[in-house]
Amino acid sequence: MDHNNYFCLYIGQVSYFATCSCLSDRRLFPSFFRTIPSDAFQVRAILQILRRFNWTWFGLLISDDDYGLHAARSFQSGLTQSEGGCLAYLEVLPWGRDENELQRIVGIMKKSTSRVVIVFSPQSDMLKLMQEVVRQNVSGLQWIASEAWTTAIVLQTPSYMPFLAGTLGIAIRRGEIPGLREYLLQIRPDIDTLSSQENNLVRVSPNTSIQNRKQIYCRNTFQCICDLYMNLTLMFAYESLYS
C-alpha cells in the first residue's frame, strides 16, 4: 500500500463542555479547541486548596473513564512536584451499580484516618457513592468536589446534606452573553436552501409551502439553539479558548 496517496483531513472542533486534559495533546487532537478550561486547571486549584488549609493526608476517588483517570494522573504529578502531601488511598468508582465494590470503597473511607476526600467523577457516579455513604453512615468527612458534581442538584437534598455540608468545590463561572438570544432569533434560513430536496435539516412534506417550511425550521431549530446556548449553567467560560 502506498501511504503517500493518503492524507489526514482535520475538522476543527470547539467544545464548551469537554474538560479532559487528554484533549490538550496536540499530537492526538490537533484541531480540537474548547471554551472551558481543561482539568489541569482545576487540579492546580485543588492543590492550592490543600496547601491553604495545610491538608497533607487525603483520599482520592475517580471515575473509571478518561475524565477521572487523567485527572488522577495530573493530580499525582502535581502532588509529587509540590511535595504537598500523601494519598491515603486512591480508588476507582465502578461503572453501573456494583454494590459490592461501592461497599468496599466506602469501607476503606470509613476506616481511613484521612478525613479529606477528593472526588473527580460525574454526578451520576457521585450519587451512587453517596447512597452507600449514607447507608454506612460515614460522616465527618471534608469533601473536595470537581466541577462535574459541585453544583449537582441531585446531591442537594436533605438526605445528603448532613454528609456533604461544608464541601469545597471547583465551579466554572457563569455569565451572560449580551445580545446572543436576539442574534439567534433574528437569523432566518435562506429560502432557496429550504426548498432544496437535499436539505436534511427539513423533514416536511414536499407540498408544504416555503413560508410554512421557514416557520417549522425556525421553530424547531433556532428555538433549540436558544434553549441550549442560553442555558448558562451549561455555557461555561466563553471569553477565551483553551487548548
C-alpha atoms as a PDB file:
ATOM      1  CA  MET A   1       0.000   0.000   0.000  1.00  0.00           C
ATOM      2  CA  ASP A   2       1.350   3.378  -0.985  1.00  0.00           C
ATOM      3  CA  HIS A   3       0.858   5.578   2.064  1.00  0.00           C
ATOM      4  CA  ASN A   4       1.846   8.661   0.070  1.00  0.00           C
ATOM      5  CA  ASN A   5      -1.576   8.561  -1.551  1.00  0.00           C
ATOM      6  CA  TYR A   6      -3.296   9.174   1.783  1.00  0.00           C
ATOM      7  CA  PHE A   7      -3.615  12.335   3.805  1.00  0.00           C
ATOM      8  CA  CYS A   8      -5.318  13.377   7.012  1.00  0.00           C
ATOM      9  CA  LEU A   9      -8.208  15.814   6.942  1.00  0.00           C
ATOM     10  CA  TYR A  10      -8.661  17.574  10.293  1.00  0.00           C
ATOM     11  CA  ILE A  11     -12.039  19.098  11.007  1.00  0.00           C
ATOM     12  CA  GLY A  12     -11.967  21.812  13.644  1.00  0.00           C
ATOM     13  CA  GLN A  13     -13.970  21.149  16.803  1.00  0.00           C
ATOM     14  CA  VAL A  14     -14.785  23.630  19.548  1.00  0.00           C
ATOM     15  CA  SER A  15     -16.280  22.226  22.764  1.00  0.00           C
ATOM     16  CA  TYR A  16     -17.948  24.119  25.610  1.00  0.00           C
ATOM     17  CA  PHE A  17     -18.186  21.039  27.847  1.00  0.00           C
ATOM     18  CA  ALA A  18     -15.206  18.653  27.484  1.00  0.00           C
ATOM     19  CA  THR A  19     -12.622  19.273  30.220  1.00  0.00           C
ATOM     20  CA  CYS A  20     -10.403  16.157  29.996  1.00  0.00           C
ATOM     21  CA  SER A  21      -6.750  17.184  29.954  1.00  0.00           C
ATOM     22  CA  CYS A  22      -6.075  14.413  27.417  1.00  0.00           C
ATOM     23  CA  LEU A  23      -7.676  16.604  24.757  1.00  0.00           C
ATOM     24  CA  SER A  24      -4.821  19.095  25.118  1.00  0.00           C
ATOM     25  CA  ASP A  25      -2.468  16.651  23.392  1.00  0.00           C
ATOM     26  CA  ARG A  26      -1.849  18.329  20.041  1.00  0.00           C
ATOM     27  CA  ARG A  27      -0.410  15.156  18.536  1.00  0.00           C
ATOM     28  CA  LEU A  28      -3.674  13.277  19.069  1.00  0.00           C
ATOM     29  CA  PHE A  29      -6.145  16.170  18.787  1.00  0.00           C
ATOM     30  CA  PRO A  30      -4.542  18.797  16.527  1.00  0.00           C
ATOM     31  CA  SER A  31      -7.816  20.510  15.622  1.00  0.00           C
ATOM     32  CA  PHE A  32      -9.609  20.440  18.972  1.00  0.00           C
ATOM     33  CA  PHE A  33     -10.298  23.635  20.928  1.00  0.00           C
ATOM     34  CA  ARG A  34     -12.550  24.461  23.848  1.00  0.00           C
ATOM     35  CA  THR A  35     -14.075  27.397  25.646  1.00  0.00           C
ATOM     36  CA  ILE A  36     -13.762  25.772  29.058  1.00  0.00           C
ATOM     37  CA  PRO A  37     -10.501  25.180  30.942  1.00  0.00           C
ATOM     38  CA  SER A  38      -9.009  21.695  30.931  1.00  0.00           C
ATOM     39  CA  ASP A  39      -8.914  19.647  34.119  1.00  0.00           C
ATOM     40  CA  ALA A  40      -5.279  20.625  34.587  1.00  0.00           C
ATOM     41  CA  PHE A  41      -6.503  24.000  35.856  1.00  0.00           C
ATOM     42  CA  GLN A  42      -8.893  22.589  38.450  1.00  0.00           C
ATOM     43  CA  VAL A  43      -6.254  20.092  39.618  1.00  0.00           C
ATOM     44  CA  ARG A  44      -3.957  23.043  40.201  1.00  0.00           C
ATOM     45  CA  ALA A  45      -6.725  24.843  42.109  1.00  0.00           C
ATOM     46  CA  ILE A  46      -7.413  21.813  44.317  1.00  0.00           C
ATOM     47  CA  LEU A  47      -3.717  21.522  45.156  1.00  0.00           C
ATOM     48  CA  GLN A  48      -3.786  25.170  46.210  1.00  0.00           C
ATOM     49  CA  ILE A  49      -6.806  24.486  48.445  1.00  0.00           C
ATOM     50  CA  LEU A  50      -4.945  21.634  50.120  1.00  0.00           C
ATOM     51  CA  ARG A  51      -1.928  23.857  50.751  1.00  0.00           C
ATOM     52  CA  ARG A  52      -4.112  26.708  52.003  1.00  0.00           C
ATOM     53  CA  PHE A  53      -5.660  24.543  54.727  1.00  0.00           C
ATOM     54  CA  ASN A  54      -2.494  22.543  55.332  1.00  0.00           C
ATOM     55  CA  TRP A  55      -4.203  19.262  54.489  1.00  0.00           C
ATOM     56  CA  THR A  56      -1.481  16.688  53.803  1.00  0.00           C
ATOM     57  CA  TRP A  57      -3.312  13.367  54.192  1.00  0.00           C
ATOM     58  CA  PHE A  58      -6.246  12.740  51.873  1.00  0.00           C
ATOM     59  CA  GLY A  59      -8.069  10.189  49.770  1.00  0.00           C
ATOM     60  CA  LEU A  60      -8.752  10.381  46.054  1.00  0.00           C
ATOM     61  CA  LEU A  61     -11.770   8.881  44.268  1.00  0.00           C
ATOM     62  CA  ILE A  62     -12.058   8.975  40.476  1.00  0.00           C
ATOM     63  CA  SER A  63     -14.443   7.799  37.787  1.00  0.00           C
ATOM     64  CA  ASP A  64     -13.433   4.918  35.557  1.00  0.00           C
ATOM     65  CA  ASP A  65     -13.058   6.974  32.371  1.00  0.00           C
ATOM     66  CA  ASP A  66     -10.702   9.473  30.740  1.00  0.00           C
ATOM     67  CA  TYR A  67     -12.068  12.264  32.922  1.00  0.00           C
ATOM     68  CA  GLY A  68     -11.144  10.534  36.170  1.00  0.00           C
ATOM     69  CA  LEU A  69      -8.017   8.674  35.078  1.00  0.00           C
ATOM     70  CA  HIS A  70      -6.325  11.698  33.522  1.00  0.00           C
ATOM     71  CA  ALA A  71      -7.319  13.891  36.464  1.00  0.00           C
ATOM     72  CA  ALA A  72      -5.733  11.376  38.844  1.00  0.00           C
ATOM     73  CA  ARG A  73      -2.549  11.288  36.791  1.00  0.00           C
ATOM     74  CA  SER A  74      -2.358  15.069  36.721  1.00  0.00           C
ATOM     75  CA  PHE A  75      -3.117  15.302  40.451  1.00  0.00           C
ATOM     76  CA  GLN A  76      -0.442  12.788  41.411  1.00  0.00           C
ATOM     77  CA  SER A  77       2.104  14.544  39.203  1.00  0.00           C
ATOM     78  CA  GLY A  78       1.299  17.926  40.765  1.00  0.00           C
ATOM     79  CA  LEU A  79       1.365  16.441  44.245  1.00  0.00           C
ATOM     80  CA  THR A  80       4.824  14.984  43.657  1.00  0.00           C
ATOM     81  CA  GLN A  81       6.175  18.266  42.334  1.00  0.00           C
ATOM     82  CA  SER A  82       4.746  20.344  45.170  1.00  0.00           C
ATOM     83  CA  GLU A  83       5.564  17.789  47.885  1.00  0.00           C
ATOM     84  CA  GLY A  84       2.331  18.912  49.481  1.00  0.00           C
ATOM     85  CA  GLY A  85       1.062  15.690  50.991  1.00  0.00           C
ATOM     86  CA  CYS A  86       0.319  11.992  50.546  1.00  0.00           C
ATOM     87  CA  LEU A  87      -2.571   9.899  49.339  1.00  0.00           C
ATOM     88  CA  ALA A  88      -4.178   7.697  51.962  1.00  0.00           C
ATOM     89  CA  TYR A  89      -5.934   5.779  49.190  1.00  0.00           C
ATOM     90  CA  LEU A  90      -6.796   6.010  45.505  1.00  0.00           C
ATOM     91  CA  GLU A  91      -9.937   4.217  44.378  1.00  0.00           C
ATOM     92  CA  VAL A  92     -11.739   3.980  41.041  1.00  0.00           C
ATOM     93  CA  LEU A  93     -15.528   4.226  41.240  1.00  0.00           C
ATOM     94  CA  PRO A  94     -17.235   1.357  39.409  1.00  0.00           C
ATOM     95  CA  TRP A  95     -19.389   1.551  36.338  1.00  0.00           C
ATOM     96  CA  GLY A  96     -23.038   0.695  36.833  1.00  0.00           C
ATOM     97  CA  ARG A  97     -24.374  -0.487  40.175  1.00  0.00           C
ATOM     98  CA  ASP A  98     -21.604  -2.650  41.552  1.00  0.00           C
ATOM     99  CA  GLU A  99     -22.808  -2.585  45.145  1.00  0.00           C
ATOM    100  CA  ASN A 100     -20.048  -4.850  46.433  1.00  0.00           C
ATOM    101  CA  GLU A 101     -17.344  -2.554  45.047  1.00  0.00           C
ATOM    102  CA  LEU A 102     -19.062   0.533  46.431  1.00  0.00           C
ATOM    103  CA  GLN A 103     -19.311  -1.113  49.839  1.00  0.00           C
ATOM    104  CA  ARG A 104     -15.600  -1.913  49.707  1.00  0.00           C
ATOM    105  CA  ILE A 105     -14.628   1.659  48.739  1.00  0.00           C
ATOM    106  CA  VAL A 106     -16.809   3.275  51.393  1.00  0.00           C
ATOM    107  CA  GLY A 107     -15.443   0.783  53.914  1.00  0.00           C
ATOM    108  CA  ILE A 108     -11.922   2.000  53.116  1.00  0.00           C
ATOM    109  CA  MET A 109     -13.029   5.600  53.564  1.00  0.00           C
ATOM    110  CA  LYS A 110     -14.660   4.722  56.885  1.00  0.00           C
ATOM    111  CA  LYS A 111     -11.548   3.010  58.268  1.00  0.00           C
ATOM    112  CA  SER A 112      -9.048   5.538  56.946  1.00  0.00           C
ATOM    113  CA  THR A 113      -7.520   8.126  59.257  1.00  0.00           C
ATOM    114  CA  SER A 114      -7.828  10.670  56.446  1.00  0.00           C
ATOM    115  CA  ARG A 115     -10.847  12.948  56.770  1.00  0.00           C
ATOM    116  CA  VAL A 116     -10.343  14.740  53.426  1.00  0.00           C
ATOM    117  CA  VAL A 117     -11.801  13.127  50.289  1.00  0.00           C
ATOM    118  CA  ILE A 118     -11.241  14.460  46.768  1.00  0.00           C
ATOM    119  CA  VAL A 119     -13.616  13.207  44.085  1.00  0.00           C
ATOM    120  CA  PHE A 120     -13.208  13.533  40.317  1.00  0.00           C
ATOM    121  CA  SER A 121     -16.340  12.000  38.861  1.00  0.00           C
ATOM    122  CA  PRO A 122     -19.608  12.888  37.116  1.00  0.00           C
ATOM    123  CA  GLN A 123     -22.631  13.419  39.315  1.00  0.00           C
ATOM    124  CA  SER A 124     -24.082  10.010  38.404  1.00  0.00           C
ATOM    125  CA  ASP A 125     -21.124   8.180  39.978  1.00  0.00           C
ATOM    126  CA  MET A 126     -21.118  10.531  42.937  1.00  0.00           C
ATOM    127  CA  LEU A 127     -24.808   9.894  43.521  1.00  0.00           C
ATOM    128  CA  LYS A 128     -24.272   6.128  43.725  1.00  0.00           C
ATOM    129  CA  LEU A 129     -21.320   6.670  46.065  1.00  0.00           C
ATOM    130  CA  MET A 130     -23.365   8.913  48.367  1.00  0.00           C
ATOM    131  CA  GLN A 131     -26.136   6.351  48.601  1.00  0.00           C
ATOM    132  CA  GLU A 132     -23.611   3.925  50.049  1.00  0.00           C
ATOM    133  CA  VAL A 133     -22.068   6.629  52.262  1.00  0.00           C
ATOM    134  CA  VAL A 134     -25.494   7.297  53.753  1.00  0.00           C
ATOM    135  CA  ARG A 135     -26.172   3.583  54.168  1.00  0.00           C
ATOM    136  CA  GLN A 136     -22.929   3.091  56.107  1.00  0.00           C
ATOM    137  CA  ASN A 137     -23.399   6.435  57.901  1.00  0.00           C
ATOM    138  CA  VAL A 138     -19.915   7.754  57.109  1.00  0.00           C
ATOM    139  CA  SER A 139     -19.994  11.338  58.352  1.00  0.00           C
ATOM    140  CA  GLY A 140     -17.408  13.917  59.351  1.00  0.00           C
ATOM    141  CA  LEU A 141     -15.611  13.941  56.003  1.00  0.00           C
ATOM    142  CA  GLN A 142     -14.301  17.032  54.259  1.00  0.00           C
ATOM    143  CA  TRP A 143     -15.262  16.630  50.608  1.00  0.00           C
ATOM    144  CA  ILE A 144     -13.498  18.411  47.739  1.00  0.00           C
ATOM    145  CA  ALA A 145     -15.527  18.319  44.538  1.00  0.00           C
ATOM    146  CA  SER A 146     -14.517  18.533  40.917  1.00  0.00           C
ATOM    147  CA  GLU A 147     -16.562  20.786  38.649  1.00  0.00           C
ATOM    148  CA  ALA A 148     -18.550  17.792  37.352  1.00  0.00           C
ATOM    149  CA  TRP A 149     -20.625  17.484  40.532  1.00  0.00           C
ATOM    150  CA  THR A 150     -20.014  20.675  42.520  1.00  0.00           C
ATOM    151  CA  THR A 151     -23.386  22.185  41.618  1.00  0.00           C
ATOM    152  CA  ALA A 152     -25.344  18.944  41.069  1.00  0.00           C
ATOM    153  CA  ILE A 153     -28.934  19.498  42.174  1.00  0.00           C
ATOM    154  CA  VAL A 154     -29.484  15.778  42.814  1.00  0.00           C
ATOM    155  CA  LEU A 155     -26.975  15.932  45.673  1.00  0.00           C
ATOM    156  CA  GLN A 156     -28.525  18.990  47.304  1.00  0.00           C
ATOM    157  CA  THR A 157     -31.166  17.074  49.235  1.00  0.00           C
ATOM    158  CA  PRO A 158     -31.952  16.754  52.961  1.00  0.00           C
ATOM    159  CA  SER A 159     -30.701  13.156  52.993  1.00  0.00           C
ATOM    160  CA  TYR A 160     -27.265  14.036  51.619  1.00  0.00           C
ATOM    161  CA  MET A 161     -26.622  17.474  53.091  1.00  0.00           C
ATOM    162  CA  PRO A 162     -25.682  16.200  56.588  1.00  0.00           C
ATOM    163  CA  PHE A 163     -22.853  14.281  54.919  1.00  0.00           C
ATOM    164  CA  LEU A 164     -21.855  16.840  52.272  1.00  0.00           C
ATOM    165  CA  ALA A 165     -22.167  20.008  54.341  1.00  0.00           C
ATOM    166  CA  GLY A 166     -19.017  22.092  54.092  1.00  0.00           C
ATOM    167  CA  THR A 167     -17.932  20.652  50.760  1.00  0.00           C
ATOM    168  CA  LEU A 168     -15.400  22.720  48.845  1.00  0.00           C
ATOM    169  CA  GLY A 169     -15.619  22.535  45.074  1.00  0.00           C
ATOM    170  CA  ILE A 170     -14.426  23.929  41.790  1.00  0.00           C
ATOM    171  CA  ALA A 171     -17.132  25.676  39.786  1.00  0.00           C
ATOM    172  CA  ILE A 172     -16.949  27.248  36.355  1.00  0.00           C
ATOM    173  CA  ARG A 173     -18.014  30.868  36.243  1.00  0.00           C
ATOM    174  CA  ARG A 174     -21.432  31.589  34.824  1.00  0.00           C
ATOM    175  CA  GLY A 175     -22.221  34.641  32.782  1.00  0.00           C
ATOM    176  CA  GLU A 176     -24.399  36.240  30.146  1.00  0.00           C
ATOM    177  CA  ILE A 177     -23.528  36.981  26.539  1.00  0.00           C
ATOM    178  CA  PRO A 178     -25.243  40.289  25.707  1.00  0.00           C
ATOM    179  CA  GLY A 179     -27.261  40.083  22.510  1.00  0.00           C
ATOM    180  CA  LEU A 180     -26.847  36.328  21.934  1.00  0.00           C
ATOM    181  CA  ARG A 181     -30.557  35.491  22.165  1.00  0.00           C
ATOM    182  CA  GLU A 182     -31.507  38.399  19.935  1.00  0.00           C
ATOM    183  CA  TYR A 183     -28.888  37.397  17.375  1.00  0.00           C
ATOM    184  CA  LEU A 184     -30.031  33.785  17.228  1.00  0.00           C
ATOM    185  CA  LEU A 185     -33.704  34.686  16.959  1.00  0.00           C
ATOM    186  CA  GLN A 186     -33.172  37.147  14.111  1.00  0.00           C
ATOM    187  CA  ILE A 187     -31.386  34.570  11.910  1.00  0.00           C
ATOM    188  CA  ARG A 188     -33.587  33.360   9.039  1.00  0.00           C
ATOM    189  CA  PRO A 189     -32.778  30.413   6.757  1.00  0.00           C
ATOM    190  CA  ASP A 190     -32.294  31.041   3.079  1.00  0.00           C
ATOM    191  CA  ILE A 191     -35.462  30.275   1.140  1.00  0.00           C
ATOM    192  CA  ASP A 192     -33.572  28.519  -1.653  1.00  0.00           C
ATOM    193  CA  THR A 193     -31.880  26.272   0.891  1.00  0.00           C
ATOM    194  CA  LEU A 194     -35.200  25.408   2.476  1.00  0.00           C
ATOM    195  CA  SER A 195     -36.715  24.484  -0.881  1.00  0.00           C
ATOM    196  CA  SER A 196     -33.871  22.093  -1.704  1.00  0.00           C
ATOM    197  CA  GLN A 197     -34.748  18.395  -1.626  1.00  0.00           C
ATOM    198  CA  GLU A 198     -31.187  17.708  -0.381  1.00  0.00           C
ATOM    199  CA  ASN A 199     -31.663  19.676   2.820  1.00  0.00           C
ATOM    200  CA  ASN A 200     -31.569  17.033   5.566  1.00  0.00           C
ATOM    201  CA  LEU A 201     -32.453  19.536   8.263  1.00  0.00           C
ATOM    202  CA  VAL A 202     -36.005  19.989   6.990  1.00  0.00           C
ATOM    203  CA  ARG A 203     -38.323  16.982   7.260  1.00  0.00           C
ATOM    204  CA  VAL A 204     -41.660  18.197   5.960  1.00  0.00           C
ATOM    205  CA  SER A 205     -43.983  17.248   3.137  1.00  0.00           C
ATOM    206  CA  PRO A 206     -42.954  18.457  -0.370  1.00  0.00           C
ATOM    207  CA  ASN A 207     -46.376  20.110  -0.566  1.00  0.00           C
ATOM    208  CA  THR A 208     -45.631  22.337   2.423  1.00  0.00           C
ATOM    209  CA  SER A 209     -45.315  25.957   1.385  1.00  0.00           C
ATOM    210  CA  ILE A 210     -41.970  27.744   1.607  1.00  0.00           C
ATOM    211  CA  GLN A 211     -43.305  30.072   4.282  1.00  0.00           C
ATOM    212  CA  ASN A 212     -44.525  27.173   6.425  1.00  0.00           C
ATOM    213  CA  ARG A 213     -41.216  25.391   5.970  1.00  0.00           C
ATOM    214  CA  LYS A 214     -39.468  28.508   7.126  1.00  0.00           C
ATOM    215  CA  GLN A 215     -41.617  28.705  10.234  1.00  0.00           C
ATOM    216  CA  ILE A 216     -41.141  24.994  11.016  1.00  0.00           C
ATOM    217  CA  TYR A 217     -37.379  25.269  10.558  1.00  0.00           C
ATOM    218  CA  CYS A 218     -37.083  28.348  12.719  1.00  0.00           C
ATOM    219  CA  ARG A 219     -39.283  26.933  15.454  1.00  0.00           C
ATOM    220  CA  ASN A 220     -37.621  23.518  15.639  1.00  0.00           C
ATOM    221  CA  THR A 221     -34.026  24.537  15.016  1.00  0.00           C
ATOM    222  CA  PHE A 222     -33.387  28.023  16.325  1.00  0.00           C
ATOM    223  CA  GLN A 223     -35.527  27.613  19.426  1.00  0.00           C
ATOM    224  CA  CYS A 224     -33.448  24.536  20.295  1.00  0.00           C
ATOM    225  CA  ILE A 225     -30.310  26.564  19.751  1.00  0.00           C
ATOM    226  CA  CYS A 226     -31.580  29.258  22.078  1.00  0.00           C
ATOM    227  CA  ASP A 227     -32.697  26.756  24.710  1.00  0.00           C
ATOM    228  CA  LEU A 228     -29.245  25.154  24.674  1.00  0.00           C
ATOM    229  CA  TYR A 229     -26.972  28.162  24.486  1.00  0.00           C
ATOM    230  CA  MET A 230     -28.975  30.469  26.682  1.00  0.00           C
ATOM    231  CA  ASN A 231     -28.825  27.855  29.442  1.00  0.00           C
ATOM    232  CA  LEU A 232     -25.849  29.429  31.118  1.00  0.00           C
ATOM    233  CA  THR A 233     -25.499  26.523  33.501  1.00  0.00           C
ATOM    234  CA  LEU A 234     -24.018  24.708  30.508  1.00  0.00           C
ATOM    235  CA  MET A 235     -22.405  27.736  28.892  1.00  0.00           C
ATOM    236  CA  PHE A 236     -19.233  27.775  30.912  1.00  0.00           C
ATOM    237  CA  ALA A 237     -16.279  30.078  30.240  1.00  0.00           C
ATOM    238  CA  TYR A 238     -16.644  31.652  26.848  1.00  0.00           C
ATOM    239  CA  GLU A 239     -14.166  34.526  26.843  1.00  0.00           C
ATOM    240  CA  SER A 240     -11.025  32.557  25.936  1.00  0.00           C
ATOM    241  CA  LEU A 241     -10.017  29.472  24.006  1.00  0.00           C
ATOM    242  CA  TYR A 242      -8.158  26.796  25.945  1.00  0.00           C
ATOM    243  CA  SER A 243      -6.048  24.221  24.141  1.00  0.00           C
END
